[in-house]
């Protein structure tokens, strides 16, 4: 299996994501301060707190993450810390984005300053304001683009928008991610007609 090793009589160990050094690309600066790492790039600045049982160092234009032992807890921290730092670097260099689409007759979205107003079948419009570092852009009247340099914030705002009216597999209505596949269901009435 790719990235896995198996030893007879012992448990398999997962791929060693944490061991891969993170290259610091041109245009990005990284600095270690106490128990956090700060990365700065064209899209902004992100600070990632570090767990005290994980050692992070910057060497020869790369960030290296080391764990204290081979215990399961340290292994999981190792890979997680490496992924969070890599995501922060990608965010300040390129940024992240998610696009959502509104499905349904009469469903629409409008720009309202920095935020958006959703009309998705409720008795009232739903207003959503983005946190600092996240931008909401309306495209047409049924698409919203969420952009920002913090992957977690972009994901949280996109999930909040989708939660206003999750997609309905029976009625083809709701808010879905642009790359999300909704498997439509016929329902009980269609079964009785057959």
N, C-alpha and C. Protein backbone atom coordinates (compact mmCIF):
# COMPACT_ATOMS: atom_id res chain seq x y z
N UNK A 1 0.85 -1.19 0.00
CA UNK A 1 0.00 0.00 0.00
C UNK A 1 0.88 1.24 0.00
N UNK A 2 0.45 2.26 -0.76
CA UNK A 2 1.24 3.48 -0.85
C UNK A 2 1.23 4.22 0.47
N UNK A 3 2.42 4.61 0.93
CA UNK A 3 2.53 5.40 2.15
C UNK A 3 2.29 4.62 3.42
N UNK A 4 2.15 3.30 3.33
CA UNK A 4 1.92 2.51 4.54
C UNK A 4 2.94 1.40 4.62
N UNK A 5 3.28 1.04 5.86
CA UNK A 5 4.18 -0.10 6.06
C UNK A 5 3.51 -1.04 7.03
N UNK A 6 3.71 -2.31 6.82
CA UNK A 6 3.11 -3.31 7.71
C UNK A 6 4.19 -4.24 8.21
N UNK A 7 4.23 -4.47 9.50
CA UNK A 7 5.18 -5.38 10.10
C UNK A 7 4.38 -6.50 10.74
N UNK A 8 4.81 -7.75 10.51
CA UNK A 8 4.09 -8.89 11.04
C UNK A 8 4.01 -8.81 12.56
N UNK A 9 2.78 -8.94 13.07
CA UNK A 9 2.58 -8.92 14.51
C UNK A 9 2.46 -7.54 15.12
N UNK A 10 2.50 -6.49 14.28
CA UNK A 10 2.34 -5.13 14.82
C UNK A 10 1.31 -4.37 14.01
N UNK A 11 0.87 -3.26 14.57
CA UNK A 11 -0.13 -2.44 13.88
C UNK A 11 0.52 -1.68 12.72
N UNK A 12 -0.33 -1.40 11.69
CA UNK A 12 0.16 -0.62 10.56
C UNK A 12 0.32 0.84 10.98
N UNK A 13 1.32 1.51 10.47
CA UNK A 13 1.47 2.94 10.71
C UNK A 13 1.06 3.69 9.46
N UNK A 14 0.37 4.80 9.65
CA UNK A 14 -0.13 5.57 8.52
C UNK A 14 0.99 6.33 7.84
N UNK A 15 0.67 6.95 6.71
CA UNK A 15 1.68 7.71 5.97
C UNK A 15 2.26 8.81 6.85
N UNK A 16 3.50 9.06 6.71
CA UNK A 16 4.18 10.01 7.59
C UNK A 16 4.12 11.42 6.99
N UNK A 17 2.94 12.01 7.07
CA UNK A 17 2.73 13.35 6.52
C UNK A 17 3.62 14.35 7.24
N UNK A 18 3.70 14.22 8.55
CA UNK A 18 4.43 15.19 9.35
C UNK A 18 5.91 15.28 9.04
N UNK A 19 6.50 14.23 8.50
CA UNK A 19 7.95 14.22 8.25
C UNK A 19 8.35 15.05 7.03
N UNK A 20 7.41 15.31 6.13
CA UNK A 20 7.75 16.05 4.92
C UNK A 20 8.03 17.52 5.25
N UNK A 21 9.17 18.05 4.87
CA UNK A 21 9.45 19.47 5.14
C UNK A 21 8.52 20.36 4.31
N UNK A 22 8.18 21.53 4.85
CA UNK A 22 7.31 22.48 4.15
C UNK A 22 8.21 23.56 3.56
N UNK A 23 8.26 23.63 2.25
CA UNK A 23 9.08 24.65 1.59
C UNK A 23 8.42 26.02 1.75
N UNK A 24 9.22 27.03 2.06
CA UNK A 24 8.71 28.40 2.17
C UNK A 24 8.88 29.05 0.80
N UNK A 25 7.78 29.29 0.07
CA UNK A 25 7.90 29.84 -1.29
C UNK A 25 8.32 31.30 -1.29
N UNK A 26 8.75 31.77 -2.46
CA UNK A 26 9.13 33.18 -2.60
C UNK A 26 7.92 34.05 -2.33
N UNK A 27 8.13 35.13 -1.60
CA UNK A 27 7.03 36.03 -1.28
C UNK A 27 6.37 35.73 0.05
N UNK A 28 6.80 34.65 0.71
CA UNK A 28 6.24 34.28 2.01
C UNK A 28 7.34 34.30 3.06
N UNK A 29 7.05 34.87 4.21
CA UNK A 29 8.00 34.90 5.32
C UNK A 29 7.40 34.15 6.50
N UNK A 30 8.23 33.40 7.20
CA UNK A 30 7.77 32.64 8.37
C UNK A 30 8.68 32.95 9.56
N UNK A 31 8.07 33.12 10.73
CA UNK A 31 8.87 33.39 11.93
C UNK A 31 8.28 32.65 13.11
N UNK A 32 9.15 32.12 13.96
CA UNK A 32 8.75 31.41 15.18
C UNK A 32 8.85 32.34 16.36
N UNK A 33 7.76 32.43 17.13
CA UNK A 33 7.75 33.27 18.32
C UNK A 33 7.07 32.50 19.44
N UNK A 34 7.81 32.19 20.49
CA UNK A 34 7.28 31.45 21.64
C UNK A 34 6.59 30.16 21.18
N UNK A 35 5.29 30.04 21.37
CA UNK A 35 4.60 28.80 21.00
C UNK A 35 3.68 29.00 19.79
N UNK A 36 4.14 29.79 18.82
CA UNK A 36 3.34 30.00 17.61
C UNK A 36 4.24 30.31 16.43
N UNK A 37 3.70 30.08 15.24
CA UNK A 37 4.42 30.41 14.02
C UNK A 37 3.57 31.40 13.24
N UNK A 38 4.21 32.45 12.73
CA UNK A 38 3.52 33.49 11.97
C UNK A 38 4.02 33.46 10.53
N UNK A 39 3.08 33.40 9.59
CA UNK A 39 3.44 33.43 8.17
C UNK A 39 2.82 34.67 7.53
N UNK A 40 3.62 35.34 6.71
CA UNK A 40 3.20 36.58 6.05
C UNK A 40 3.38 36.42 4.55
N UNK A 41 2.36 36.82 3.80
CA UNK A 41 2.42 36.72 2.34
C UNK A 41 1.59 37.81 1.70
N UNK A 42 1.46 37.77 0.37
CA UNK A 42 0.71 38.82 -0.34
C UNK A 42 -0.76 38.91 0.06
N UNK A 43 -1.35 37.81 0.54
CA UNK A 43 -2.78 37.81 0.90
C UNK A 43 -3.04 38.22 2.35
N UNK A 44 -2.01 38.24 3.17
CA UNK A 44 -2.22 38.63 4.57
C UNK A 44 -1.26 37.93 5.52
N UNK A 45 -1.62 37.96 6.80
CA UNK A 45 -0.79 37.37 7.87
C UNK A 45 -1.63 36.36 8.65
N UNK A 46 -1.07 35.19 8.93
CA UNK A 46 -1.74 34.18 9.73
C UNK A 46 -0.81 33.71 10.84
N UNK A 47 -1.38 33.51 12.02
CA UNK A 47 -0.62 33.00 13.16
C UNK A 47 -1.20 31.66 13.58
N UNK A 48 -0.35 30.65 13.66
CA UNK A 48 -0.79 29.31 14.03
C UNK A 48 -0.18 28.92 15.38
N UNK A 49 -1.02 28.75 16.42
CA UNK A 49 -0.47 28.29 17.71
C UNK A 49 0.10 26.88 17.57
N UNK A 50 1.14 26.59 18.35
CA UNK A 50 1.80 25.29 18.30
C UNK A 50 1.64 24.56 19.63
N UNK A 51 1.40 23.27 19.55
CA UNK A 51 1.28 22.46 20.77
C UNK A 51 2.68 22.32 21.39
N UNK A 52 2.77 22.41 22.72
CA UNK A 52 4.10 22.35 23.36
C UNK A 52 4.84 21.03 23.15
N UNK A 53 4.12 19.95 22.78
CA UNK A 53 4.79 18.66 22.60
C UNK A 53 5.20 18.41 21.14
N UNK A 54 5.13 19.45 20.31
CA UNK A 54 5.60 19.35 18.93
C UNK A 54 6.69 20.39 18.73
N UNK A 55 7.79 19.99 18.15
CA UNK A 55 8.92 20.89 17.92
C UNK A 55 8.91 21.35 16.45
N UNK A 56 8.91 22.66 16.25
CA UNK A 56 8.92 23.23 14.89
C UNK A 56 10.15 24.10 14.75
N UNK A 57 10.87 23.94 13.65
CA UNK A 57 12.04 24.79 13.40
C UNK A 57 12.12 25.17 11.93
N UNK A 58 12.77 26.28 11.66
CA UNK A 58 12.95 26.77 10.29
C UNK A 58 14.41 26.59 9.92
N UNK A 59 14.63 25.87 8.80
CA UNK A 59 16.00 25.56 8.37
C UNK A 59 16.09 25.58 6.86
N UNK A 60 17.07 26.30 6.32
CA UNK A 60 17.36 26.31 4.88
C UNK A 60 16.11 26.55 4.01
N UNK A 61 15.29 27.51 4.39
CA UNK A 61 14.11 27.84 3.59
C UNK A 61 12.98 26.84 3.70
N UNK A 62 13.00 25.99 4.72
CA UNK A 62 11.93 25.01 4.94
C UNK A 62 11.52 24.99 6.40
N UNK A 63 10.30 24.54 6.64
CA UNK A 63 9.80 24.39 8.01
C UNK A 63 9.76 22.90 8.31
N UNK A 64 10.38 22.50 9.41
CA UNK A 64 10.43 21.10 9.81
C UNK A 64 9.62 20.91 11.09
N UNK A 65 8.80 19.87 11.11
CA UNK A 65 7.97 19.56 12.28
C UNK A 65 8.45 18.22 12.84
N UNK A 66 8.75 18.19 14.13
CA UNK A 66 9.23 16.96 14.78
C UNK A 66 8.36 16.63 15.97
N UNK A 67 8.15 15.34 16.20
CA UNK A 67 7.32 14.89 17.32
C UNK A 67 8.20 14.38 18.45
N UNK A 68 7.62 14.37 19.64
CA UNK A 68 8.37 13.97 20.84
C UNK A 68 8.61 12.48 20.91
N UNK A 69 7.66 11.67 20.42
CA UNK A 69 7.80 10.22 20.49
C UNK A 69 6.93 9.58 19.42
N UNK A 70 6.90 8.26 19.39
CA UNK A 70 6.09 7.53 18.40
C UNK A 70 4.71 7.18 18.95
N UNK A 71 4.34 7.73 20.10
CA UNK A 71 3.00 7.49 20.65
C UNK A 71 1.93 7.99 19.70
N UNK A 72 0.76 7.37 19.78
CA UNK A 72 -0.34 7.72 18.87
C UNK A 72 -0.68 9.21 18.96
N UNK A 73 -0.73 9.74 20.17
CA UNK A 73 -1.05 11.15 20.37
C UNK A 73 -0.05 12.05 19.65
N UNK A 74 1.24 11.74 19.79
CA UNK A 74 2.28 12.55 19.16
C UNK A 74 2.26 12.40 17.64
N UNK A 75 1.94 11.19 17.17
CA UNK A 75 1.86 10.98 15.71
C UNK A 75 0.74 11.82 15.11
N UNK A 76 -0.42 11.85 15.79
CA UNK A 76 -1.55 12.62 15.27
C UNK A 76 -1.25 14.12 15.31
N UNK A 77 -0.60 14.58 16.39
CA UNK A 77 -0.22 15.99 16.49
C UNK A 77 0.78 16.37 15.40
N UNK A 78 1.68 15.44 15.09
CA UNK A 78 2.72 15.66 14.11
C UNK A 78 2.11 16.00 12.75
N UNK A 79 1.23 15.13 12.26
CA UNK A 79 0.60 15.34 10.96
C UNK A 79 -0.32 16.55 10.95
N UNK A 80 -1.06 16.75 12.04
CA UNK A 80 -1.99 17.88 12.13
C UNK A 80 -1.23 19.21 12.08
N UNK A 81 -0.17 19.31 12.86
CA UNK A 81 0.61 20.56 12.91
C UNK A 81 1.20 20.87 11.54
N UNK A 82 1.73 19.85 10.89
CA UNK A 82 2.32 20.06 9.57
C UNK A 82 1.26 20.54 8.57
N UNK A 83 0.06 19.95 8.61
CA UNK A 83 -1.02 20.32 7.70
C UNK A 83 -1.49 21.75 7.95
N UNK A 84 -1.62 22.13 9.23
CA UNK A 84 -2.08 23.48 9.56
C UNK A 84 -1.09 24.55 9.09
N UNK A 85 0.21 24.27 9.25
CA UNK A 85 1.23 25.23 8.80
C UNK A 85 1.23 25.32 7.27
N UNK A 86 1.12 24.16 6.59
CA UNK A 86 1.09 24.15 5.13
C UNK A 86 -0.14 24.90 4.61
N UNK A 87 -1.29 24.73 5.27
CA UNK A 87 -2.52 25.44 4.87
C UNK A 87 -2.36 26.95 5.05
N UNK A 88 -1.69 27.35 6.13
CA UNK A 88 -1.47 28.78 6.38
C UNK A 88 -0.60 29.39 5.29
N UNK A 89 0.44 28.66 4.87
CA UNK A 89 1.33 29.16 3.82
C UNK A 89 0.57 29.29 2.50
N UNK A 90 -0.21 28.27 2.16
CA UNK A 90 -1.02 28.33 0.93
C UNK A 90 -2.00 29.50 1.00
N UNK A 91 -2.59 29.72 2.18
CA UNK A 91 -3.57 30.79 2.34
C UNK A 91 -2.99 32.17 2.12
N UNK A 92 -1.83 32.46 2.72
CA UNK A 92 -1.25 33.81 2.57
C UNK A 92 -0.64 34.01 1.19
N UNK A 93 -0.35 32.92 0.48
CA UNK A 93 0.23 33.03 -0.86
C UNK A 93 -0.85 33.07 -1.94
N UNK A 94 -1.81 32.14 -1.88
CA UNK A 94 -2.82 32.02 -2.94
C UNK A 94 -4.24 32.33 -2.46
N UNK A 95 -4.53 32.05 -1.20
CA UNK A 95 -5.87 32.23 -0.67
C UNK A 95 -6.74 31.01 -0.93
N UNK A 96 -7.93 31.00 -0.34
CA UNK A 96 -8.88 29.90 -0.50
C UNK A 96 -10.21 30.47 -0.96
N UNK A 97 -10.98 29.65 -1.65
CA UNK A 97 -12.31 30.09 -2.04
C UNK A 97 -13.28 28.91 -2.13
N UNK A 98 -14.54 29.21 -1.87
CA UNK A 98 -15.62 28.24 -2.03
C UNK A 98 -16.77 28.96 -2.73
N UNK A 99 -17.41 28.26 -3.66
CA UNK A 99 -18.54 28.83 -4.38
C UNK A 99 -19.79 28.04 -4.06
N UNK A 100 -20.87 28.76 -3.76
CA UNK A 100 -22.14 28.13 -3.46
C UNK A 100 -23.19 28.55 -4.48
N UNK A 101 -24.12 27.65 -4.77
CA UNK A 101 -25.18 27.91 -5.74
C UNK A 101 -26.54 27.73 -5.08
N UNK A 102 -27.49 28.61 -5.42
CA UNK A 102 -28.85 28.51 -4.93
C UNK A 102 -29.70 27.78 -5.96
N UNK A 103 -30.43 26.76 -5.53
CA UNK A 103 -31.32 26.02 -6.42
C UNK A 103 -32.75 26.23 -5.93
N UNK A 104 -33.66 26.53 -6.84
CA UNK A 104 -35.06 26.68 -6.46
C UNK A 104 -35.68 27.92 -7.07
N UNK A 105 -36.95 27.82 -7.43
CA UNK A 105 -37.67 28.95 -8.03
C UNK A 105 -37.83 30.05 -6.98
N UNK A 106 -37.41 31.25 -7.34
CA UNK A 106 -37.53 32.39 -6.42
C UNK A 106 -36.38 32.53 -5.43
N UNK A 107 -35.49 31.56 -5.38
CA UNK A 107 -34.35 31.65 -4.48
C UNK A 107 -33.33 32.61 -5.10
N UNK A 108 -32.89 33.59 -4.32
CA UNK A 108 -31.90 34.53 -4.86
C UNK A 108 -31.05 35.08 -3.73
N UNK A 109 -29.94 35.68 -4.12
CA UNK A 109 -29.01 36.28 -3.16
C UNK A 109 -28.65 37.67 -3.66
N UNK A 110 -28.50 38.61 -2.73
CA UNK A 110 -28.14 39.98 -3.06
C UNK A 110 -26.98 40.44 -2.18
N UNK A 111 -26.15 41.30 -2.76
CA UNK A 111 -25.05 41.88 -1.99
C UNK A 111 -25.62 42.99 -1.10
N UNK A 112 -25.18 43.03 0.14
CA UNK A 112 -25.61 44.07 1.08
C UNK A 112 -24.38 44.58 1.81
N UNK A 113 -23.69 45.54 1.22
CA UNK A 113 -22.43 46.01 1.79
C UNK A 113 -21.39 44.91 1.70
N UNK A 114 -20.76 44.58 2.82
CA UNK A 114 -19.78 43.50 2.83
C UNK A 114 -20.45 42.13 2.93
N UNK A 115 -21.72 42.12 3.39
CA UNK A 115 -22.43 40.87 3.58
C UNK A 115 -23.38 40.54 2.43
N UNK A 116 -24.24 39.55 2.68
CA UNK A 116 -25.22 39.14 1.67
C UNK A 116 -26.59 38.95 2.33
N UNK A 117 -27.64 39.01 1.51
CA UNK A 117 -29.00 38.74 1.97
C UNK A 117 -29.54 37.60 1.12
N UNK A 118 -29.98 36.52 1.79
CA UNK A 118 -30.51 35.34 1.11
C UNK A 118 -32.03 35.31 1.20
N UNK A 119 -32.69 35.09 0.07
CA UNK A 119 -34.12 34.84 0.03
C UNK A 119 -34.30 33.40 -0.42
N UNK A 120 -34.50 32.50 0.55
CA UNK A 120 -34.52 31.07 0.25
C UNK A 120 -35.74 30.37 0.83
N UNK A 121 -36.90 31.02 0.71
CA UNK A 121 -38.14 30.36 1.11
C UNK A 121 -38.54 30.52 2.55
N UNK A 122 -37.77 31.27 3.35
CA UNK A 122 -38.16 31.53 4.73
C UNK A 122 -39.13 32.71 4.75
N UNK A 123 -39.77 32.94 5.89
CA UNK A 123 -40.69 34.07 6.01
C UNK A 123 -39.95 35.40 6.08
N UNK A 124 -38.63 35.33 6.20
CA UNK A 124 -37.81 36.53 6.32
C UNK A 124 -36.51 36.32 5.55
N UNK A 125 -35.89 37.40 5.07
CA UNK A 125 -34.58 37.25 4.43
C UNK A 125 -33.50 36.91 5.46
N UNK A 126 -32.51 36.15 5.04
CA UNK A 126 -31.41 35.74 5.94
C UNK A 126 -30.18 36.60 5.60
N UNK A 127 -29.71 37.35 6.60
CA UNK A 127 -28.54 38.21 6.41
C UNK A 127 -27.30 37.52 6.98
N UNK A 128 -26.24 37.55 6.20
CA UNK A 128 -24.97 36.94 6.65
C UNK A 128 -23.85 37.96 6.45
N UNK A 129 -23.13 38.24 7.53
CA UNK A 129 -22.00 39.16 7.48
C UNK A 129 -20.71 38.37 7.66
N UNK A 130 -19.71 38.62 6.84
CA UNK A 130 -18.46 37.85 6.95
C UNK A 130 -17.57 38.37 8.07
N UNK A 131 -16.77 37.50 8.68
CA UNK A 131 -15.78 37.96 9.67
C UNK A 131 -14.62 38.64 8.97
N UNK A 132 -13.75 39.23 9.74
CA UNK A 132 -12.58 39.91 9.17
C UNK A 132 -11.71 38.91 8.40
N UNK A 133 -11.27 39.30 7.22
CA UNK A 133 -10.42 38.43 6.41
C UNK A 133 -11.16 37.57 5.42
N UNK A 134 -12.51 37.63 5.42
CA UNK A 134 -13.32 36.85 4.48
C UNK A 134 -14.16 37.81 3.64
N UNK A 135 -14.21 37.55 2.33
CA UNK A 135 -14.98 38.39 1.41
C UNK A 135 -16.09 37.58 0.76
N UNK A 136 -17.29 38.15 0.72
CA UNK A 136 -18.43 37.52 0.07
C UNK A 136 -18.74 38.29 -1.21
N UNK A 137 -18.80 37.58 -2.33
CA UNK A 137 -19.08 38.20 -3.62
C UNK A 137 -20.24 37.48 -4.27
N UNK A 138 -21.25 38.25 -4.72
CA UNK A 138 -22.42 37.68 -5.38
C UNK A 138 -22.19 37.70 -6.88
N UNK A 139 -22.44 36.57 -7.53
CA UNK A 139 -22.32 36.46 -8.98
C UNK A 139 -23.70 36.12 -9.54
N UNK A 140 -24.26 37.03 -10.33
CA UNK A 140 -25.61 36.82 -10.82
C UNK A 140 -26.58 36.98 -9.65
N UNK A 141 -27.61 36.14 -9.60
CA UNK A 141 -28.52 36.21 -8.46
C UNK A 141 -28.66 34.86 -7.75
N UNK A 142 -27.76 33.91 -8.13
CA UNK A 142 -27.85 32.61 -7.47
C UNK A 142 -26.49 31.97 -7.16
N UNK A 143 -25.43 32.78 -7.17
CA UNK A 143 -24.10 32.25 -6.83
C UNK A 143 -23.41 33.17 -5.84
N UNK A 144 -22.75 32.58 -4.87
CA UNK A 144 -21.97 33.33 -3.87
C UNK A 144 -20.56 32.75 -3.84
N UNK A 145 -19.57 33.64 -3.89
CA UNK A 145 -18.17 33.20 -3.79
C UNK A 145 -17.61 33.68 -2.46
N UNK A 146 -17.08 32.75 -1.68
CA UNK A 146 -16.47 33.06 -0.38
C UNK A 146 -14.96 32.95 -0.55
N UNK A 147 -14.24 34.03 -0.28
CA UNK A 147 -12.78 34.02 -0.44
C UNK A 147 -12.11 34.56 0.82
N UNK A 148 -10.89 34.09 1.04
CA UNK A 148 -10.12 34.55 2.19
C UNK A 148 -8.81 33.80 2.28
N UNK A 149 -7.93 34.25 3.18
CA UNK A 149 -6.64 33.58 3.31
C UNK A 149 -6.62 32.55 4.43
N UNK A 150 -7.67 32.55 5.27
CA UNK A 150 -7.76 31.57 6.37
C UNK A 150 -8.71 30.45 5.95
N UNK A 151 -8.19 29.26 5.74
CA UNK A 151 -9.00 28.13 5.26
C UNK A 151 -10.15 27.81 6.20
N UNK A 152 -9.91 27.87 7.50
CA UNK A 152 -10.94 27.54 8.48
C UNK A 152 -12.09 28.54 8.43
N UNK A 153 -11.78 29.84 8.35
CA UNK A 153 -12.83 30.86 8.31
C UNK A 153 -13.65 30.75 7.02
N UNK A 154 -12.97 30.52 5.90
CA UNK A 154 -13.68 30.38 4.61
C UNK A 154 -14.65 29.21 4.69
N UNK A 155 -14.20 28.08 5.24
CA UNK A 155 -15.05 26.90 5.37
C UNK A 155 -16.23 27.14 6.30
N UNK A 156 -15.98 27.85 7.41
CA UNK A 156 -17.05 28.12 8.37
C UNK A 156 -18.14 29.02 7.78
N UNK A 157 -17.73 30.07 7.06
CA UNK A 157 -18.71 30.99 6.45
C UNK A 157 -19.50 30.27 5.37
N UNK A 158 -18.81 29.46 4.55
CA UNK A 158 -19.51 28.71 3.49
C UNK A 158 -20.52 27.74 4.11
N UNK A 159 -20.15 27.09 5.20
CA UNK A 159 -21.07 26.15 5.87
C UNK A 159 -22.27 26.88 6.47
N UNK A 160 -22.04 28.10 6.96
CA UNK A 160 -23.12 28.91 7.53
C UNK A 160 -24.13 29.30 6.45
N UNK A 161 -23.62 29.66 5.27
CA UNK A 161 -24.51 30.02 4.15
C UNK A 161 -25.32 28.80 3.72
N UNK A 162 -24.65 27.65 3.59
CA UNK A 162 -25.33 26.42 3.17
C UNK A 162 -26.40 26.01 4.18
N UNK A 163 -26.12 26.26 5.47
CA UNK A 163 -27.04 25.86 6.54
C UNK A 163 -28.35 26.66 6.49
N UNK A 164 -28.33 27.85 5.86
CA UNK A 164 -29.55 28.66 5.77
C UNK A 164 -30.66 27.91 5.04
N UNK A 165 -30.30 27.04 4.10
CA UNK A 165 -31.27 26.17 3.40
C UNK A 165 -30.50 25.02 2.75
N UNK A 166 -30.23 23.95 3.53
CA UNK A 166 -29.48 22.81 2.97
C UNK A 166 -30.21 22.23 1.76
N UNK A 167 -29.48 21.65 0.81
CA UNK A 167 -30.13 21.11 -0.39
C UNK A 167 -31.10 19.98 -0.06
N UNK A 168 -32.25 19.98 -0.74
CA UNK A 168 -33.28 18.96 -0.56
C UNK A 168 -33.21 18.00 -1.74
N UNK A 169 -32.95 16.73 -1.46
CA UNK A 169 -32.77 15.74 -2.52
C UNK A 169 -34.07 15.39 -3.23
N UNK A 170 -35.21 15.76 -2.65
CA UNK A 170 -36.50 15.44 -3.26
C UNK A 170 -37.05 16.59 -4.11
N UNK A 171 -36.78 17.82 -3.70
CA UNK A 171 -37.40 18.97 -4.37
C UNK A 171 -36.46 19.79 -5.24
N UNK A 172 -35.18 19.44 -5.28
CA UNK A 172 -34.18 20.20 -6.04
C UNK A 172 -34.15 21.66 -5.60
N UNK A 173 -34.20 21.87 -4.29
CA UNK A 173 -34.13 23.21 -3.74
C UNK A 173 -33.06 23.27 -2.67
N UNK A 174 -32.53 24.47 -2.45
CA UNK A 174 -31.56 24.64 -1.39
C UNK A 174 -30.28 25.31 -1.86
N UNK A 175 -29.30 25.33 -0.97
CA UNK A 175 -28.00 25.92 -1.27
C UNK A 175 -26.96 24.81 -1.23
N UNK A 176 -26.19 24.69 -2.31
CA UNK A 176 -25.17 23.64 -2.37
C UNK A 176 -23.84 24.23 -2.81
N UNK A 177 -22.76 23.50 -2.51
CA UNK A 177 -21.45 23.88 -3.02
C UNK A 177 -21.44 23.64 -4.53
N UNK A 178 -20.70 24.44 -5.27
CA UNK A 178 -20.70 24.30 -6.74
C UNK A 178 -20.20 22.94 -7.20
N UNK A 179 -19.30 22.32 -6.41
CA UNK A 179 -18.77 21.01 -6.79
C UNK A 179 -19.47 19.86 -6.07
N UNK A 180 -20.54 20.16 -5.34
CA UNK A 180 -21.28 19.14 -4.60
C UNK A 180 -22.26 18.43 -5.53
N UNK A 181 -22.31 17.11 -5.44
CA UNK A 181 -23.22 16.32 -6.27
C UNK A 181 -24.42 15.92 -5.42
N UNK A 182 -25.61 16.34 -5.85
CA UNK A 182 -26.84 16.00 -5.13
C UNK A 182 -27.53 14.86 -5.88
N UNK A 183 -27.68 13.72 -5.22
CA UNK A 183 -28.37 12.58 -5.83
C UNK A 183 -29.87 12.74 -5.59
N UNK A 184 -30.58 13.11 -6.65
CA UNK A 184 -32.01 13.39 -6.51
C UNK A 184 -32.80 12.10 -6.29
N UNK A 185 -33.82 12.19 -5.45
CA UNK A 185 -34.66 11.04 -5.11
C UNK A 185 -36.08 11.30 -5.63
N UNK A 186 -36.73 10.23 -6.07
CA UNK A 186 -38.05 10.38 -6.66
C UNK A 186 -39.16 10.52 -5.62
N UNK A 187 -39.01 9.95 -4.44
CA UNK A 187 -40.03 10.05 -3.39
C UNK A 187 -41.07 8.94 -3.51
N UNK A 188 -41.97 8.89 -2.55
CA UNK A 188 -42.96 7.82 -2.50
C UNK A 188 -44.02 7.92 -3.59
N UNK A 189 -44.41 9.14 -3.95
CA UNK A 189 -45.47 9.34 -4.94
C UNK A 189 -45.07 8.75 -6.29
N UNK A 190 -43.82 8.92 -6.67
CA UNK A 190 -43.34 8.40 -7.95
C UNK A 190 -43.40 6.87 -7.96
N UNK A 191 -43.16 6.24 -6.81
CA UNK A 191 -43.20 4.79 -6.70
C UNK A 191 -44.61 4.26 -6.85
N UNK A 192 -45.60 4.99 -6.35
CA UNK A 192 -46.97 4.55 -6.45
C UNK A 192 -47.50 4.64 -7.88
N UNK A 193 -47.00 5.64 -8.66
CA UNK A 193 -47.47 5.81 -10.03
C UNK A 193 -47.01 4.67 -10.93
N UNK A 194 -45.85 4.12 -10.61
CA UNK A 194 -45.24 3.11 -11.50
C UNK A 194 -46.04 1.83 -11.56
